Amino acid sequence: MSGLNVPAKKDGAIDFLALGALVTRLDPGIVPFGFADTYQVHVSGGEFNVAANLARCFGQNTAVASAMVDYPIGAKVEAEVRKMNVKGIYKRFKHDGVRGPNIAQVWSDRGQGVRAPVVFYNRANEAAAMLKPGDFDWNKVFSSGLRWLHSGGIFCALSPTTPEFVIDAMKAARKAGAVVSFDLNYRAKLWAANGSASSASDTLGRIAEQVDVLVGNEEDLQLGLGLKGPDIKSADKLDPEAFYRTIEEVTARWPNVKAVATTLREVKSTNRHLWSAVLWLDGKRYAAPTTELDVYDRVGGGDGFAAGLIYGLLEGREPQEALNLGWAHGALLTTFPGDTTMATLDQVQAFAKGGSARIQR
């Protein structure tokens, strides 16, 4: 673990700070949107989900820095953040009663069997897209200590100012001695929507210069960072070799990156996946087992993996154990409704060690 230099746990310090947009996800379950008349509302966000998982399941002191809108939907979101034991650090916006600024909506159903899930967005006039450098005093935020800072590609794709906001925070976090991680989560449609499609790889490359730990599969690495890499379309979804070959390009260009991790998933049907994960850390390769998942709701599985992995690294566990914790927690998260965890640490540790689904009496 020598390459990461994770700061020691300290009273009052933030173990993990997420930078990202808070959203509501409207979920009609297995009913297609055109036929649905009821929806579950999940409070979500790729970066927030990791903070929520780390707090609820893994007992870490976590926070999220984001935009908050002072209207009823904002109140709902704030309440859910508190319920997950995550500290909210907000730049506040007033809603004009008509157009916003808004908390974004993500519409996502579960699909079923051969019918794939459907996801689309309403991110018009989103408050989080307005975040920019200078909105937070990072020295004040980090004054009691910070161990790990995390952000992601979806947030950075929202506007031209959000990547600068992230880079500014990452520089401050590195100065404070924290580990910095980034989930590439490359979404071409989001970069195109804000007019930054042609510069996305350059922007993400600038972010990568500040990062210790990258999360993303070979497609994220190649498309997000503009790498050539091997042919990802012909690669076996569970074979990590294409991922490892792409890492060689990553570390040659960004020698500051000390770890890269990803889940490996082969989708047999909406509800039946093969699931594994791999980690490259300080030049060494680690692979998790492959298991078959009966998926209830796949949204958040990758964030669940990131949370378990980061917990292991924060706690100084051996790399293989940290990877297995991420793999196990991500697998368990797909068995719950919603985007954040309902797992216990005991369940995660048991599954990571090879536990089964036998009834616990």
Protein backbone atom coordinates (compact mmCIF):
# COMPACT_ATOMS: atom_id res chain seq x y z
CA MET A 1 0.00 0.00 0.00
CA SER A 2 3.11 2.21 -0.01
CA GLY A 3 2.16 4.13 -3.13
CA LEU A 4 -1.08 5.61 -1.81
CA ASN A 5 0.00 7.08 1.53
CA VAL A 6 -3.52 7.22 2.99
CA PRO A 7 -3.59 9.65 5.95
CA ALA A 8 -4.18 8.05 9.34
CA LYS A 9 -7.63 8.22 10.87
CA LYS A 10 -8.03 11.28 13.08
CA ASP A 11 -10.84 12.53 15.33
CA GLY A 12 -12.93 15.12 13.53
CA ALA A 13 -11.33 14.54 10.12
CA ILE A 14 -13.46 13.84 7.07
CA ASP A 15 -12.64 10.31 5.95
CA PHE A 16 -14.19 10.79 2.52
CA LEU A 17 -15.52 13.86 0.68
CA ALA A 18 -17.54 13.49 -2.52
CA LEU A 19 -17.89 16.29 -5.09
CA GLY A 20 -20.88 15.88 -7.35
CA ALA A 21 -24.48 16.55 -8.25
CA LEU A 22 -27.33 15.36 -6.07
CA VAL A 23 -30.28 14.14 -8.15
CA THR A 24 -33.62 12.43 -7.77
CA ARG A 25 -34.09 9.18 -9.66
CA LEU A 26 -37.68 8.38 -10.61
CA ASP A 27 -38.13 4.63 -10.78
CA PRO A 28 -41.32 2.93 -12.05
CA GLY A 29 -39.86 -0.51 -11.33
CA ILE A 30 -40.43 -3.03 -14.09
CA VAL A 31 -43.28 -1.04 -15.68
CA PRO A 32 -42.24 0.87 -18.85
CA PHE A 33 -42.46 4.65 -18.53
CA GLY A 34 -45.26 4.97 -21.07
CA PHE A 35 -47.49 2.79 -18.87
CA ALA A 36 -46.36 3.77 -15.36
CA ASP A 37 -48.50 5.83 -12.99
CA THR A 38 -46.44 5.46 -9.81
CA TYR A 39 -42.74 6.01 -9.18
CA GLN A 40 -40.32 5.48 -6.36
CA VAL A 41 -38.10 8.50 -5.72
CA HIS A 42 -34.46 7.68 -4.91
CA VAL A 43 -31.96 10.37 -3.94
CA SER A 44 -28.81 9.62 -5.87
CA GLY A 45 -25.66 10.88 -7.54
CA GLY A 46 -22.62 8.86 -8.63
CA GLU A 47 -20.30 10.60 -6.19
CA PHE A 48 -22.82 10.93 -3.34
CA ASN A 49 -23.67 7.24 -3.57
CA VAL A 50 -20.10 6.33 -2.64
CA ALA A 51 -20.17 8.67 0.36
CA ALA A 52 -23.54 7.27 1.47
CA ASN A 53 -22.33 3.67 1.16
CA LEU A 54 -19.15 4.41 3.09
CA ALA A 55 -21.13 6.05 5.89
CA ARG A 56 -24.02 3.60 6.17
CA CYS A 57 -22.30 0.26 5.65
CA PHE A 58 -18.66 0.97 6.47
CA GLY A 59 -18.97 3.49 9.31
CA GLN A 60 -16.83 6.22 7.76
CA ASN A 61 -17.15 9.95 8.43
CA THR A 62 -18.23 11.23 5.02
CA ALA A 63 -19.46 14.43 3.41
CA VAL A 64 -20.74 15.65 0.05
CA ALA A 65 -20.02 19.08 -1.44
CA SER A 66 -22.75 19.97 -3.89
CA ALA A 67 -25.40 22.43 -4.97
CA MET A 68 -28.65 22.69 -3.02
CA VAL A 69 -31.86 24.39 -4.13
CA ASP A 70 -34.14 25.92 -1.51
CA TYR A 71 -37.48 24.41 -2.52
CA PRO A 72 -39.42 21.28 -1.51
CA ILE A 73 -37.43 18.88 -3.69
CA GLY A 74 -34.24 20.25 -2.17
CA ALA A 75 -35.66 19.66 1.30
CA LYS A 76 -36.38 16.04 0.34
CA VAL A 77 -32.81 15.60 -0.91
CA GLU A 78 -31.27 17.19 2.19
CA ALA A 79 -33.31 14.91 4.45
CA GLU A 80 -32.12 11.81 2.58
CA VAL A 81 -28.48 12.94 2.77
CA ARG A 82 -28.85 13.33 6.55
CA LYS A 83 -30.56 9.94 6.80
CA MET A 84 -27.49 8.32 5.23
CA ASN A 85 -25.25 9.97 7.88
CA VAL A 86 -23.51 12.08 5.23
CA LYS A 87 -22.65 15.70 6.03
CA GLY A 88 -24.00 18.11 3.41
CA ILE A 89 -21.75 21.03 2.43
CA TYR A 90 -23.78 23.17 0.02
CA LYS A 91 -23.69 26.17 -2.28
CA ARG A 92 -27.32 27.26 -2.06
CA PHE A 93 -29.53 28.48 -4.88
CA LYS A 94 -33.00 30.06 -4.76
CA HIS A 95 -35.71 28.55 -6.98
CA ASP A 96 -37.65 31.14 -8.98
CA GLY A 97 -40.90 29.14 -8.76
CA VAL A 98 -41.03 28.55 -12.51
CA ARG A 99 -37.78 27.56 -14.22
CA GLY A 100 -35.28 26.78 -11.46
CA PRO A 101 -32.44 26.35 -10.81
CA ASN A 102 -33.36 22.71 -10.30
CA ILE A 103 -32.31 19.47 -8.69
CA ALA A 104 -31.93 17.25 -11.74
CA GLN A 105 -34.16 14.27 -12.44
CA VAL A 106 -32.89 10.93 -13.70
CA TRP A 107 -35.59 8.64 -15.06
CA SER A 108 -34.58 4.99 -14.85
CA ASP A 109 -36.67 1.82 -14.92
CA ARG A 110 -35.46 -1.65 -13.99
CA GLY A 111 -36.27 -3.54 -17.17
CA GLN A 112 -36.88 -7.27 -16.86
CA GLY A 113 -35.42 -10.36 -18.52
CA VAL A 114 -34.69 -9.64 -22.18
CA ARG A 115 -36.01 -6.05 -21.81
CA ALA A 116 -33.12 -3.74 -20.98
CA PRO A 117 -33.42 -0.89 -18.46
CA VAL A 118 -34.20 2.56 -19.90
CA VAL A 119 -32.43 5.70 -18.62
CA PHE A 120 -32.91 9.34 -19.60
CA TYR A 121 -32.44 12.71 -17.92
CA ASN A 122 -33.97 16.08 -17.24
CA ARG A 123 -30.93 18.16 -16.31
CA ALA A 124 -32.28 21.49 -17.60
CA ASN A 125 -31.15 24.50 -15.57
CA GLU A 126 -29.45 22.22 -13.04
CA ALA A 127 -28.01 23.96 -9.99
CA ALA A 128 -25.02 21.59 -9.78
CA ALA A 129 -23.96 22.59 -13.31
CA MET A 130 -23.49 26.15 -12.01
CA LEU A 131 -20.80 25.21 -9.49
CA LYS A 132 -17.47 26.87 -10.21
CA PRO A 133 -14.08 27.50 -8.58
CA GLY A 134 -14.36 29.77 -5.57
CA ASP A 135 -17.79 28.52 -4.47
CA PHE A 136 -16.23 26.74 -1.46
CA ASP A 137 -13.37 27.67 0.85
CA TRP A 138 -11.52 24.35 0.70
CA ASN A 139 -9.05 25.30 3.42
CA LYS A 140 -12.02 25.80 5.73
CA VAL A 141 -13.72 22.57 4.60
CA PHE A 142 -10.50 20.60 5.18
CA SER A 143 -9.56 22.42 8.40
CA SER A 144 -10.16 19.37 10.63
CA GLY A 145 -8.43 17.03 8.20
CA LEU A 146 -9.31 15.16 5.02
CA ARG A 147 -8.26 11.61 4.13
CA TRP A 148 -9.83 11.03 0.70
CA LEU A 149 -11.51 13.19 -1.98
CA HIS A 150 -13.58 11.71 -4.82
CA SER A 151 -15.40 12.97 -7.89
CA GLY A 152 -16.56 11.66 -11.24
CA GLY A 153 -17.01 12.13 -14.95
CA ILE A 154 -20.79 12.58 -14.95
CA PHE A 155 -20.51 15.66 -12.74
CA CYS A 156 -17.64 17.02 -14.83
CA ALA A 157 -19.73 16.64 -18.01
CA LEU A 158 -22.50 18.95 -16.76
CA SER A 159 -20.94 22.27 -17.77
CA PRO A 160 -17.65 23.99 -18.64
CA THR A 161 -17.27 25.14 -15.02
CA THR A 162 -17.69 21.83 -13.14
CA PRO A 163 -14.35 20.32 -14.25
CA GLU A 164 -12.57 23.51 -13.11
CA PHE A 165 -14.41 23.27 -9.80
CA VAL A 166 -13.19 19.66 -9.41
CA ILE A 167 -9.58 20.45 -10.37
CA ASP A 168 -9.51 23.34 -7.89
CA ALA A 169 -10.75 21.06 -5.09
CA MET A 170 -8.35 18.26 -6.05
CA LYS A 171 -5.36 20.59 -5.90
CA ALA A 172 -6.43 21.75 -2.43
CA ALA A 173 -6.98 18.14 -1.29
CA ARG A 174 -3.55 17.05 -2.52
CA LYS A 175 -2.00 20.00 -0.69
CA ALA A 176 -3.84 18.82 2.44
CA GLY A 177 -2.28 15.34 2.02
CA ALA A 178 -5.47 13.51 0.98
CA VAL A 179 -5.76 10.69 -1.55
CA VAL A 180 -7.68 11.77 -4.67
CA SER A 181 -9.87 9.40 -6.71
CA PHE A 182 -11.97 9.85 -9.84
CA ASP A 183 -14.59 7.63 -11.48
CA LEU A 184 -14.39 8.34 -15.22
CA ASN A 185 -18.04 7.37 -15.87
CA TYR A 186 -17.71 8.60 -19.45
CA ARG A 187 -21.10 9.63 -20.92
CA ALA A 188 -20.75 10.97 -24.46
CA LYS A 189 -24.31 12.36 -24.52
CA LEU A 190 -23.68 14.57 -21.48
CA TRP A 191 -20.44 15.99 -22.89
CA ALA A 192 -22.21 16.67 -26.20
CA ALA A 193 -25.16 18.36 -24.47
CA ASN A 194 -22.93 20.99 -22.86
CA GLY A 195 -20.99 21.60 -26.09
CA SER A 196 -17.76 20.06 -24.80
CA ALA A 197 -17.65 16.76 -26.71
CA SER A 198 -14.53 17.69 -28.68
CA SER A 199 -12.60 18.74 -25.57
CA ALA A 200 -13.80 16.03 -23.15
CA SER A 201 -10.65 13.90 -23.33
CA ASP A 202 -8.42 16.96 -22.84
CA THR A 203 -10.47 18.02 -19.83
CA LEU A 204 -10.46 14.55 -18.28
CA GLY A 205 -6.74 14.33 -18.97
CA ARG A 206 -6.18 17.50 -16.94
CA ILE A 207 -8.20 15.96 -14.12
CA ALA A 208 -6.17 12.74 -14.34
CA GLU A 209 -3.05 14.80 -13.58
CA GLN A 210 -4.44 15.34 -10.06
CA VAL A 211 -5.58 11.75 -9.41
CA ASP A 212 -4.09 8.90 -7.37
CA VAL A 213 -6.86 6.33 -7.98
CA LEU A 214 -8.87 5.97 -11.20
CA VAL A 215 -12.06 3.93 -11.43
CA GLY A 216 -13.27 2.98 -14.90
CA ASN A 217 -13.34 0.16 -17.41
CA GLU A 218 -11.26 0.03 -20.57
CA GLU A 219 -14.01 1.83 -22.53
CA ASP A 220 -14.07 4.68 -19.99
CA LEU A 221 -10.27 4.86 -20.09
CA GLN A 222 -10.06 4.84 -23.88
CA LEU A 223 -12.99 7.10 -24.78
CA GLY A 224 -12.74 9.37 -21.75
CA LEU A 225 -8.98 9.87 -21.87
CA GLY A 226 -8.55 9.61 -25.63
CA LEU A 227 -6.35 6.51 -25.52
CA LYS A 228 -5.95 4.11 -28.43
CA GLY A 229 -5.83 0.87 -26.45
CA PRO A 230 -6.91 -2.60 -27.66
CA ASP A 231 -10.16 -3.34 -29.51
CA ILE A 232 -12.75 -3.11 -26.74
CA LYS A 233 -15.64 -4.30 -28.92
CA SER A 234 -14.13 -7.74 -29.51
CA ALA A 235 -12.83 -8.24 -25.96
CA ASP A 236 -14.33 -10.79 -23.58
CA LYS A 237 -16.29 -8.78 -20.98
CA LEU A 238 -14.78 -10.85 -18.15
CA ASP A 239 -11.22 -10.93 -19.48
CA PRO A 240 -9.15 -8.20 -17.81
CA GLU A 241 -6.35 -8.27 -20.38
CA ALA A 242 -7.76 -5.39 -22.45
CA PHE A 243 -8.08 -3.40 -19.23
CA TYR A 244 -4.49 -4.13 -18.22
CA ARG A 245 -3.14 -3.18 -21.65
CA THR A 246 -4.97 0.13 -21.47
CA ILE A 247 -3.53 0.79 -18.00
CA GLU A 248 -0.04 0.70 -19.51
CA GLU A 249 -1.02 3.72 -21.61
CA VAL A 250 -2.60 5.45 -18.62
CA THR A 251 0.43 5.13 -16.36
CA ALA A 252 2.85 6.10 -19.13
CA ARG A 253 0.98 9.37 -19.65
CA TRP A 254 -0.05 9.98 -16.02
CA PRO A 255 2.66 8.51 -13.77
CA ASN A 256 0.91 10.07 -10.76
CA VAL A 257 -1.86 7.44 -11.05
CA LYS A 258 -1.03 4.72 -8.55
CA ALA A 259 -4.16 2.56 -8.80
CA VAL A 260 -6.81 1.76 -11.40
CA ALA A 261 -9.83 -0.44 -10.72
CA THR A 262 -12.95 -1.58 -12.51
CA THR A 263 -15.83 -4.01 -12.33
CA LEU A 264 -16.17 -6.68 -15.02
CA ARG A 265 -19.73 -7.49 -15.98
CA GLU A 266 -21.24 -9.74 -18.62
CA VAL A 267 -24.99 -9.16 -18.98
CA LYS A 268 -26.84 -12.39 -19.78
CA SER A 269 -30.20 -10.73 -19.22
CA THR A 270 -31.41 -7.72 -17.25
CA ASN A 271 -31.64 -9.88 -14.13
CA ARG A 272 -28.73 -12.28 -14.65
CA HIS A 273 -25.15 -10.96 -14.74
CA LEU A 274 -21.70 -12.46 -14.38
CA TRP A 275 -19.71 -10.19 -12.06
CA SER A 276 -16.04 -9.74 -11.26
CA ALA A 277 -13.55 -6.91 -10.64
CA VAL A 278 -9.88 -6.12 -11.06
CA LEU A 279 -7.37 -3.79 -9.45
CA TRP A 280 -3.98 -2.55 -10.63
CA LEU A 281 -2.01 -1.06 -7.74
CA ASP A 282 1.64 -0.01 -7.77
CA GLY A 283 2.32 -2.19 -10.81
CA LYS A 284 0.68 -5.34 -9.40
CA ARG A 285 -2.50 -7.01 -10.64
CA TYR A 286 -5.32 -8.34 -8.47
CA ALA A 287 -8.50 -10.13 -9.59
CA ALA A 288 -11.71 -10.83 -7.68
CA PRO A 289 -13.70 -14.05 -8.16
CA THR A 290 -16.44 -14.31 -10.77
CA THR A 291 -19.94 -14.85 -9.48
CA GLU A 292 -23.41 -15.01 -10.99
CA LEU A 293 -25.79 -12.26 -9.85
CA ASP A 294 -29.56 -12.34 -9.68
CA VAL A 295 -30.06 -8.60 -10.15
CA TYR A 296 -32.96 -6.72 -8.59
CA ASP A 297 -31.78 -3.20 -9.52
CA ARG A 298 -28.42 -2.71 -11.22
CA VAL A 299 -28.20 1.07 -10.63
CA GLY A 300 -25.44 1.90 -8.17
CA GLY A 301 -23.54 -1.38 -8.39
CA GLY A 302 -20.39 0.35 -9.63
CA ASP A 303 -20.64 2.95 -6.85
CA GLY A 304 -21.04 0.08 -4.42
CA PHE A 305 -17.83 -1.46 -5.74
CA ALA A 306 -15.97 1.84 -5.39
CA ALA A 307 -17.15 2.26 -1.80
CA GLY A 308 -16.00 -1.19 -0.67
CA LEU A 309 -12.65 -0.82 -2.42
CA ILE A 310 -12.04 2.63 -0.94
CA TYR A 311 -13.02 1.40 2.52
CA GLY A 312 -10.41 -1.34 2.26
CA LEU A 313 -7.74 1.13 1.16
CA LEU A 314 -8.72 3.65 3.87
CA GLU A 315 -8.41 0.90 6.47
CA GLY A 316 -5.02 -0.24 5.20
CA ARG A 317 -6.23 -3.68 4.12
CA GLU A 318 -4.16 -5.75 1.72
CA PRO A 319 -4.97 -4.92 -1.93
CA GLN A 320 -6.63 -8.29 -2.60
CA GLU A 321 -8.87 -7.91 0.44
CA ALA A 322 -9.75 -4.32 -0.51
CA LEU A 323 -10.69 -5.47 -4.02
CA ASN A 324 -12.80 -8.34 -2.68
CA LEU A 325 -14.65 -6.00 -0.34
CA GLY A 326 -15.52 -3.76 -3.28
CA TRP A 327 -16.57 -6.73 -5.42
CA ALA A 328 -18.74 -8.14 -2.61
CA HIS A 329 -20.40 -4.85 -1.73
CA GLY A 330 -21.14 -4.02 -5.37
CA ALA A 331 -22.71 -7.45 -5.82
CA LEU A 332 -24.87 -7.06 -2.72
CA LEU A 333 -25.99 -3.58 -3.76
CA THR A 334 -27.64 -4.99 -6.90
CA THR A 335 -29.99 -6.98 -4.65
CA PHE A 336 -31.55 -3.85 -3.07
CA PRO A 337 -34.00 -1.27 -4.41
CA GLY A 338 -32.56 2.18 -4.89
CA ASP A 339 -29.07 3.46 -5.54
CA THR A 340 -27.43 3.20 -2.11
CA THR A 341 -26.62 0.35 0.20
CA MET A 342 -28.75 -1.58 2.66
CA ALA A 343 -25.96 -4.07 3.36
CA THR A 344 -24.23 -4.56 6.69
CA LEU A 345 -20.47 -4.77 7.08
CA ASP A 346 -20.82 -8.34 8.33
CA GLN A 347 -22.68 -9.32 5.16
CA VAL A 348 -20.03 -7.72 2.94
CA GLN A 349 -17.13 -9.33 4.79
CA ALA A 350 -18.79 -12.75 4.77
CA PHE A 351 -19.45 -12.61 1.02
CA ALA A 352 -15.96 -11.26 0.32
CA LYS A 353 -14.54 -14.33 2.07
CA GLY A 354 -16.63 -16.69 -0.02
CA GLY A 355 -19.94 -16.69 1.85
CA SER A 356 -23.14 -17.96 0.29
CA ALA A 357 -26.82 -17.06 0.23
CA ARG A 358 -27.74 -19.76 2.73
CA ILE A 359 -30.23 -18.55 5.30
CA GLN A 360 -28.66 -17.02 8.42
CA ARG A 361 -30.35 -18.28 11.60
